[in-house]
Amino acid sequence: MRFSTMLTGAVAALALFATAPAFADDDTFTNNEITKATSDFFGITTEAAAKAVQRVFRDQGQPDAYIKGDEGSGAVVVGLRYGEGWLVRKHFDPVKVYWKGPSVGFDLGGNASKFFALVYNLKNEKRLYQRFPGVEGSYYFIAGIGVNYLRSGGVTVAPMRTGLGLRAGVNAHYLVFSNRRDWFPF
């Protein structure tokens, strides 16, 4: 009787151990999930969303979170950017997040954008709340979409933006993510 109980327990433990990778993969978003979320959020066709998403998936793989929100920015050589949105992770409730940051460069104009960012290696929400440096070249006129990568502390953020406005240029910048709004850009 004891031997059969131990054997049953061992088989159950082995079965649980064998399914562990499935639980780990379940914490990331698939290409189809992100394409649908992007298409719905931006209000564009699935085909248009898939082009941007496929490029990021090819470079980075499956994200473990994404951020969707709105932002505004403007620049005359020196610029500012402010945004707010929701951090979405599997098995967690969405969390309100804010971002801001200055920029400097050959940059002129202003735009209002829908912001959708894929987040990699997040593991813990608090890892998002840091400064992410980057370089960006943008040209918005009436509508456009742009993608770039920001990396810091082992976390990669891949923002995708569609915008309305007139802004052209190249700049060095950083984004700071926070769980509370702060208007001081540095």
C-alpha atoms as a PDB file:
ATOM      1  CA  MET A   1       0.000   0.000   0.000  1.00  0.00           C
ATOM      2  CA  ARG A   2       2.765   2.448   0.890  1.00  0.00           C
ATOM      3  CA  PHE A   3       4.704   1.627  -2.264  1.00  0.00           C
ATOM      4  CA  SER A   4       1.685   2.307  -4.506  1.00  0.00           C
ATOM      5  CA  THR A   5       1.035   5.633  -2.731  1.00  0.00           C
ATOM      6  CA  MET A   6       4.667   6.679  -3.219  1.00  0.00           C
ATOM      7  CA  LEU A   7       4.569   5.567  -6.855  1.00  0.00           C
ATOM      8  CA  THR A   8       1.371   7.544  -7.505  1.00  0.00           C
ATOM      9  CA  GLY A   9       2.915  10.636  -5.893  1.00  0.00           C
ATOM     10  CA  ALA A  10       6.075  10.274  -7.969  1.00  0.00           C
ATOM     11  CA  VAL A  11       4.086   9.933 -11.200  1.00  0.00           C
ATOM     12  CA  ALA A  12       1.988  13.015 -10.311  1.00  0.00           C
ATOM     13  CA  ALA A  13       5.137  15.043  -9.529  1.00  0.00           C
ATOM     14  CA  LEU A  14       6.734  13.938 -12.790  1.00  0.00           C
ATOM     15  CA  ALA A  15       3.617  14.928 -14.753  1.00  0.00           C
ATOM     16  CA  LEU A  16       3.583  18.369 -13.085  1.00  0.00           C
ATOM     17  CA  PHE A  17       7.292  18.849 -13.803  1.00  0.00           C
ATOM     18  CA  ALA A  18       6.830  17.823 -17.440  1.00  0.00           C
ATOM     19  CA  THR A  19       4.164  20.514 -17.975  1.00  0.00           C
ATOM     20  CA  ALA A  20       6.205  23.347 -16.365  1.00  0.00           C
ATOM     21  CA  PRO A  21       7.468  24.776 -19.715  1.00  0.00           C
ATOM     22  CA  ALA A  22       3.855  25.170 -20.874  1.00  0.00           C
ATOM     23  CA  PHE A  23       3.174  27.428 -17.883  1.00  0.00           C
ATOM     24  CA  ALA A  24       6.256  29.548 -18.669  1.00  0.00           C
ATOM     25  CA  ASP A  25       5.238  29.982 -22.342  1.00  0.00           C
ATOM     26  CA  ASP A  26       1.739  30.920 -21.214  1.00  0.00           C
ATOM     27  CA  ASP A  27       3.171  34.136 -19.692  1.00  0.00           C
ATOM     28  CA  THR A  28       4.085  35.572 -23.122  1.00  0.00           C
ATOM     29  CA  PHE A  29       1.892  36.884 -25.924  1.00  0.00           C
ATOM     30  CA  THR A  30       1.769  35.200 -29.337  1.00  0.00           C
ATOM     31  CA  ASN A  31       2.148  36.975 -32.650  1.00  0.00           C
ATOM     32  CA  ASN A  32      -1.603  36.591 -33.303  1.00  0.00           C
ATOM     33  CA  GLU A  33      -2.569  38.010 -29.889  1.00  0.00           C
ATOM     34  CA  ILE A  34      -0.355  41.074 -30.365  1.00  0.00           C
ATOM     35  CA  THR A  35      -1.425  41.597 -33.999  1.00  0.00           C
ATOM     36  CA  LYS A  36      -5.088  41.591 -32.961  1.00  0.00           C
ATOM     37  CA  ALA A  37      -4.466  43.893 -29.969  1.00  0.00           C
ATOM     38  CA  THR A  38      -2.443  46.289 -32.152  1.00  0.00           C
ATOM     39  CA  SER A  39      -5.017  46.289 -34.942  1.00  0.00           C
ATOM     40  CA  ASP A  40      -7.896  46.899 -32.519  1.00  0.00           C
ATOM     41  CA  PHE A  41      -6.019  49.644 -30.647  1.00  0.00           C
ATOM     42  CA  PHE A  42      -4.752  51.568 -33.670  1.00  0.00           C
ATOM     43  CA  GLY A  43      -7.957  51.014 -35.647  1.00  0.00           C
ATOM     44  CA  ILE A  44      -6.024  49.718 -38.654  1.00  0.00           C
ATOM     45  CA  THR A  45      -6.292  46.554 -40.719  1.00  0.00           C
ATOM     46  CA  THR A  46      -4.826  43.350 -39.346  1.00  0.00           C
ATOM     47  CA  GLU A  47      -2.514  43.232 -42.374  1.00  0.00           C
ATOM     48  CA  ALA A  48      -1.036  46.667 -41.606  1.00  0.00           C
ATOM     49  CA  ALA A  49      -0.600  45.788 -37.917  1.00  0.00           C
ATOM     50  CA  ALA A  50       0.982  42.450 -38.798  1.00  0.00           C
ATOM     51  CA  LYS A  51       3.781  44.141 -40.781  1.00  0.00           C
ATOM     52  CA  ALA A  52       4.949  46.165 -37.779  1.00  0.00           C
ATOM     53  CA  VAL A  53       4.430  43.325 -35.297  1.00  0.00           C
ATOM     54  CA  GLN A  54       6.243  40.729 -37.442  1.00  0.00           C
ATOM     55  CA  ARG A  55       9.361  42.876 -37.586  1.00  0.00           C
ATOM     56  CA  VAL A  56       9.511  43.214 -33.796  1.00  0.00           C
ATOM     57  CA  PHE A  57       8.757  39.502 -33.259  1.00  0.00           C
ATOM     58  CA  ARG A  58      11.535  38.589 -35.700  1.00  0.00           C
ATOM     59  CA  ASP A  59      14.002  40.779 -33.771  1.00  0.00           C
ATOM     60  CA  GLN A  60      12.841  40.171 -30.190  1.00  0.00           C
ATOM     61  CA  GLY A  61      10.526  37.137 -29.957  1.00  0.00           C
ATOM     62  CA  GLN A  62       7.379  36.947 -27.833  1.00  0.00           C
ATOM     63  CA  PRO A  63       6.819  39.796 -25.342  1.00  0.00           C
ATOM     64  CA  ASP A  64       5.712  39.203 -21.773  1.00  0.00           C
ATOM     65  CA  ALA A  65       3.789  42.511 -21.601  1.00  0.00           C
ATOM     66  CA  TYR A  66       2.559  45.424 -23.661  1.00  0.00           C
ATOM     67  CA  ILE A  67       1.594  49.038 -23.031  1.00  0.00           C
ATOM     68  CA  LYS A  68      -1.218  50.813 -24.850  1.00  0.00           C
ATOM     69  CA  GLY A  69      -1.958  54.495 -24.437  1.00  0.00           C
ATOM     70  CA  ASP A  70      -1.744  58.007 -25.806  1.00  0.00           C
ATOM     71  CA  GLU A  71       1.034  60.564 -25.873  1.00  0.00           C
ATOM     72  CA  GLY A  72       1.771  64.071 -27.017  1.00  0.00           C
ATOM     73  CA  SER A  73       5.097  65.604 -27.923  1.00  0.00           C
ATOM     74  CA  GLY A  74       6.614  68.693 -29.395  1.00  0.00           C
ATOM     75  CA  ALA A  75      10.049  70.019 -30.211  1.00  0.00           C
ATOM     76  CA  VAL A  76      12.023  72.975 -31.470  1.00  0.00           C
ATOM     77  CA  VAL A  77      15.534  71.449 -31.197  1.00  0.00           C
ATOM     78  CA  VAL A  78      14.716  70.560 -27.562  1.00  0.00           C
ATOM     79  CA  GLY A  79      11.536  68.550 -27.089  1.00  0.00           C
ATOM     80  CA  LEU A  80       9.243  66.993 -24.515  1.00  0.00           C
ATOM     81  CA  ARG A  81       7.046  63.905 -24.582  1.00  0.00           C
ATOM     82  CA  TYR A  82       4.296  62.892 -22.137  1.00  0.00           C
ATOM     83  CA  GLY A  83       2.039  59.854 -22.194  1.00  0.00           C
ATOM     84  CA  GLU A  84      -0.239  57.632 -20.208  1.00  0.00           C
ATOM     85  CA  GLY A  85      -1.679  54.205 -20.743  1.00  0.00           C
ATOM     86  CA  TRP A  86      -2.080  50.676 -19.437  1.00  0.00           C
ATOM     87  CA  LEU A  87       0.514  47.986 -18.806  1.00  0.00           C
ATOM     88  CA  VAL A  88      -1.048  44.643 -19.804  1.00  0.00           C
ATOM     89  CA  ARG A  89       0.420  41.323 -18.646  1.00  0.00           C
ATOM     90  CA  LYS A  90      -1.066  37.843 -18.746  1.00  0.00           C
ATOM     91  CA  HIS A  91      -2.577  36.667 -15.451  1.00  0.00           C
ATOM     92  CA  PHE A  92      -2.480  40.221 -13.979  1.00  0.00           C
ATOM     93  CA  ASP A  93      -4.919  43.117 -13.945  1.00  0.00           C
ATOM     94  CA  PRO A  94      -3.919  46.034 -16.220  1.00  0.00           C
ATOM     95  CA  VAL A  95      -1.926  48.730 -14.398  1.00  0.00           C
ATOM     96  CA  LYS A  96      -2.006  52.471 -15.175  1.00  0.00           C
ATOM     97  CA  VAL A  97       1.427  53.743 -16.274  1.00  0.00           C
ATOM     98  CA  TYR A  98       2.821  57.135 -17.252  1.00  0.00           C
ATOM     99  CA  TRP A  99       5.870  58.094 -19.276  1.00  0.00           C
ATOM    100  CA  LYS A 100       7.731  61.277 -20.033  1.00  0.00           C
ATOM    101  CA  GLY A 101      11.036  62.419 -21.360  1.00  0.00           C
ATOM    102  CA  PRO A 102      13.072  65.152 -22.959  1.00  0.00           C
ATOM    103  CA  SER A 103      14.806  65.036 -26.331  1.00  0.00           C
ATOM    104  CA  VAL A 104      17.467  67.061 -28.080  1.00  0.00           C
ATOM    105  CA  GLY A 105      18.463  67.068 -31.739  1.00  0.00           C
ATOM    106  CA  PHE A 106      17.476  68.278 -35.170  1.00  0.00           C
ATOM    107  CA  ASP A 107      13.786  68.034 -34.435  1.00  0.00           C
ATOM    108  CA  LEU A 108      10.877  70.360 -35.168  1.00  0.00           C
ATOM    109  CA  GLY A 109       7.108  70.105 -34.783  1.00  0.00           C
ATOM    110  CA  GLY A 110       4.511  68.399 -32.670  1.00  0.00           C
ATOM    111  CA  ASN A 111       2.297  65.357 -32.747  1.00  0.00           C
ATOM    112  CA  ALA A 112      -0.346  63.428 -30.871  1.00  0.00           C
ATOM    113  CA  SER A 113       0.199  59.689 -31.032  1.00  0.00           C
ATOM    114  CA  LYS A 114      -1.374  56.415 -30.127  1.00  0.00           C
ATOM    115  CA  PHE A 115       1.352  54.461 -28.347  1.00  0.00           C
ATOM    116  CA  PHE A 116       1.568  50.653 -28.322  1.00  0.00           C
ATOM    117  CA  ALA A 117       4.772  49.139 -26.926  1.00  0.00           C
ATOM    118  CA  LEU A 118       5.876  45.533 -26.619  1.00  0.00           C
ATOM    119  CA  VAL A 119       7.828  44.834 -23.425  1.00  0.00           C
ATOM    120  CA  TYR A 120      10.420  42.046 -23.094  1.00  0.00           C
ATOM    121  CA  ASN A 121      12.002  40.447 -20.003  1.00  0.00           C
ATOM    122  CA  LEU A 122       9.800  42.433 -17.649  1.00  0.00           C
ATOM    123  CA  LYS A 123       9.208  39.608 -15.131  1.00  0.00           C
ATOM    124  CA  ASN A 124       8.192  42.178 -12.501  1.00  0.00           C
ATOM    125  CA  GLU A 125       6.202  45.375 -13.035  1.00  0.00           C
ATOM    126  CA  LYS A 126       8.744  47.438 -11.061  1.00  0.00           C
ATOM    127  CA  ARG A 127      11.437  46.716 -13.677  1.00  0.00           C
ATOM    128  CA  LEU A 128       9.527  49.021 -16.070  1.00  0.00           C
ATOM    129  CA  TYR A 129       9.934  52.033 -13.773  1.00  0.00           C
ATOM    130  CA  GLN A 130      13.321  53.265 -14.992  1.00  0.00           C
ATOM    131  CA  ARG A 131      14.933  55.455 -17.672  1.00  0.00           C
ATOM    132  CA  PHE A 132      15.187  54.029 -21.213  1.00  0.00           C
ATOM    133  CA  PRO A 133      17.612  55.937 -23.494  1.00  0.00           C
ATOM    134  CA  GLY A 134      17.200  55.968 -27.255  1.00  0.00           C
ATOM    135  CA  VAL A 135      17.731  57.639 -30.607  1.00  0.00           C
ATOM    136  CA  GLU A 136      14.811  58.288 -32.886  1.00  0.00           C
ATOM    137  CA  GLY A 137      14.220  59.539 -36.383  1.00  0.00           C
ATOM    138  CA  SER A 138      10.642  60.440 -37.159  1.00  0.00           C
ATOM    139  CA  TYR A 139       8.575  61.989 -39.867  1.00  0.00           C
ATOM    140  CA  TYR A 140       4.888  62.401 -39.105  1.00  0.00           C
ATOM    141  CA  PHE A 141       2.629  64.095 -41.586  1.00  0.00           C
ATOM    142  CA  ILE A 142      -1.097  63.442 -41.276  1.00  0.00           C
ATOM    143  CA  ALA A 143      -0.529  59.778 -40.319  1.00  0.00           C
ATOM    144  CA  GLY A 144       2.382  57.386 -39.964  1.00  0.00           C
ATOM    145  CA  ILE A 145       3.780  54.523 -37.937  1.00  0.00           C
ATOM    146  CA  GLY A 146       7.204  54.151 -36.396  1.00  0.00           C
ATOM    147  CA  VAL A 147       8.988  51.508 -34.293  1.00  0.00           C
ATOM    148  CA  ASN A 148      12.208  51.738 -32.300  1.00  0.00           C
ATOM    149  CA  TYR A 149      13.862  49.822 -29.431  1.00  0.00           C
ATOM    150  CA  LEU A 150      14.714  51.114 -25.973  1.00  0.00           C
ATOM    151  CA  ARG A 151      16.819  48.987 -23.606  1.00  0.00           C
ATOM    152  CA  SER A 152      17.749  49.368 -19.961  1.00  0.00           C
ATOM    153  CA  GLY A 153      18.432  47.015 -17.058  1.00  0.00           C
ATOM    154  CA  GLY A 154      17.773  43.895 -19.143  1.00  0.00           C
ATOM    155  CA  VAL A 155      14.298  45.120 -20.204  1.00  0.00           C
ATOM    156  CA  THR A 156      13.523  45.984 -23.832  1.00  0.00           C
ATOM    157  CA  VAL A 157      10.618  48.247 -24.814  1.00  0.00           C
ATOM    158  CA  ALA A 158       9.594  48.423 -28.480  1.00  0.00           C
ATOM    159  CA  PRO A 159       7.247  51.411 -28.933  1.00  0.00           C
ATOM    160  CA  MET A 160       5.051  51.595 -32.025  1.00  0.00           C
ATOM    161  CA  ARG A 161       3.375  54.905 -32.706  1.00  0.00           C
ATOM    162  CA  THR A 162       0.787  56.171 -35.136  1.00  0.00           C
ATOM    163  CA  GLY A 163       0.445  59.890 -35.102  1.00  0.00           C
ATOM    164  CA  LEU A 164      -1.333  62.932 -36.277  1.00  0.00           C
ATOM    165  CA  GLY A 165       0.609  66.130 -36.694  1.00  0.00           C
ATOM    166  CA  LEU A 166       3.708  67.517 -38.289  1.00  0.00           C
ATOM    167  CA  ARG A 167       7.024  66.521 -36.794  1.00  0.00           C
ATOM    168  CA  ALA A 168      10.284  65.780 -38.555  1.00  0.00           C
ATOM    169  CA  GLY A 169      13.771  65.163 -37.321  1.00  0.00           C
ATOM    170  CA  VAL A 170      16.311  63.058 -35.501  1.00  0.00           C
ATOM    171  CA  ASN A 171      16.835  63.227 -31.755  1.00  0.00           C
ATOM    172  CA  ALA A 172      18.467  61.616 -28.750  1.00  0.00           C
ATOM    173  CA  HIS A 173      16.019  61.083 -25.941  1.00  0.00           C
ATOM    174  CA  TYR A 174      14.958  58.947 -23.054  1.00  0.00           C
ATOM    175  CA  LEU A 175      11.643  57.807 -21.667  1.00  0.00           C
ATOM    176  CA  VAL A 176      11.012  57.373 -17.967  1.00  0.00           C
ATOM    177  CA  PHE A 177       8.111  55.106 -17.006  1.00  0.00           C
ATOM    178  CA  SER A 178       6.330  55.553 -13.687  1.00  0.00           C
ATOM    179  CA  ASN A 179       3.244  54.432 -11.814  1.00  0.00           C
ATOM    180  CA  ARG A 180       2.348  58.070 -11.068  1.00  0.00           C
ATOM    181  CA  ARG A 181       2.046  61.218 -13.152  1.00  0.00           C
ATOM    182  CA  ASP A 182       4.889  63.726 -12.895  1.00  0.00           C
ATOM    183  CA  TRP A 183       5.156  66.796 -15.104  1.00  0.00           C
ATOM    184  CA  PHE A 184       8.867  67.444 -14.445  1.00  0.00           C
ATOM    185  CA  PRO A 185      10.463  65.965 -17.593  1.00  0.00           C
ATOM    186  CA  PHE A 186      13.824  64.975 -16.119  1.00  0.00           C
END
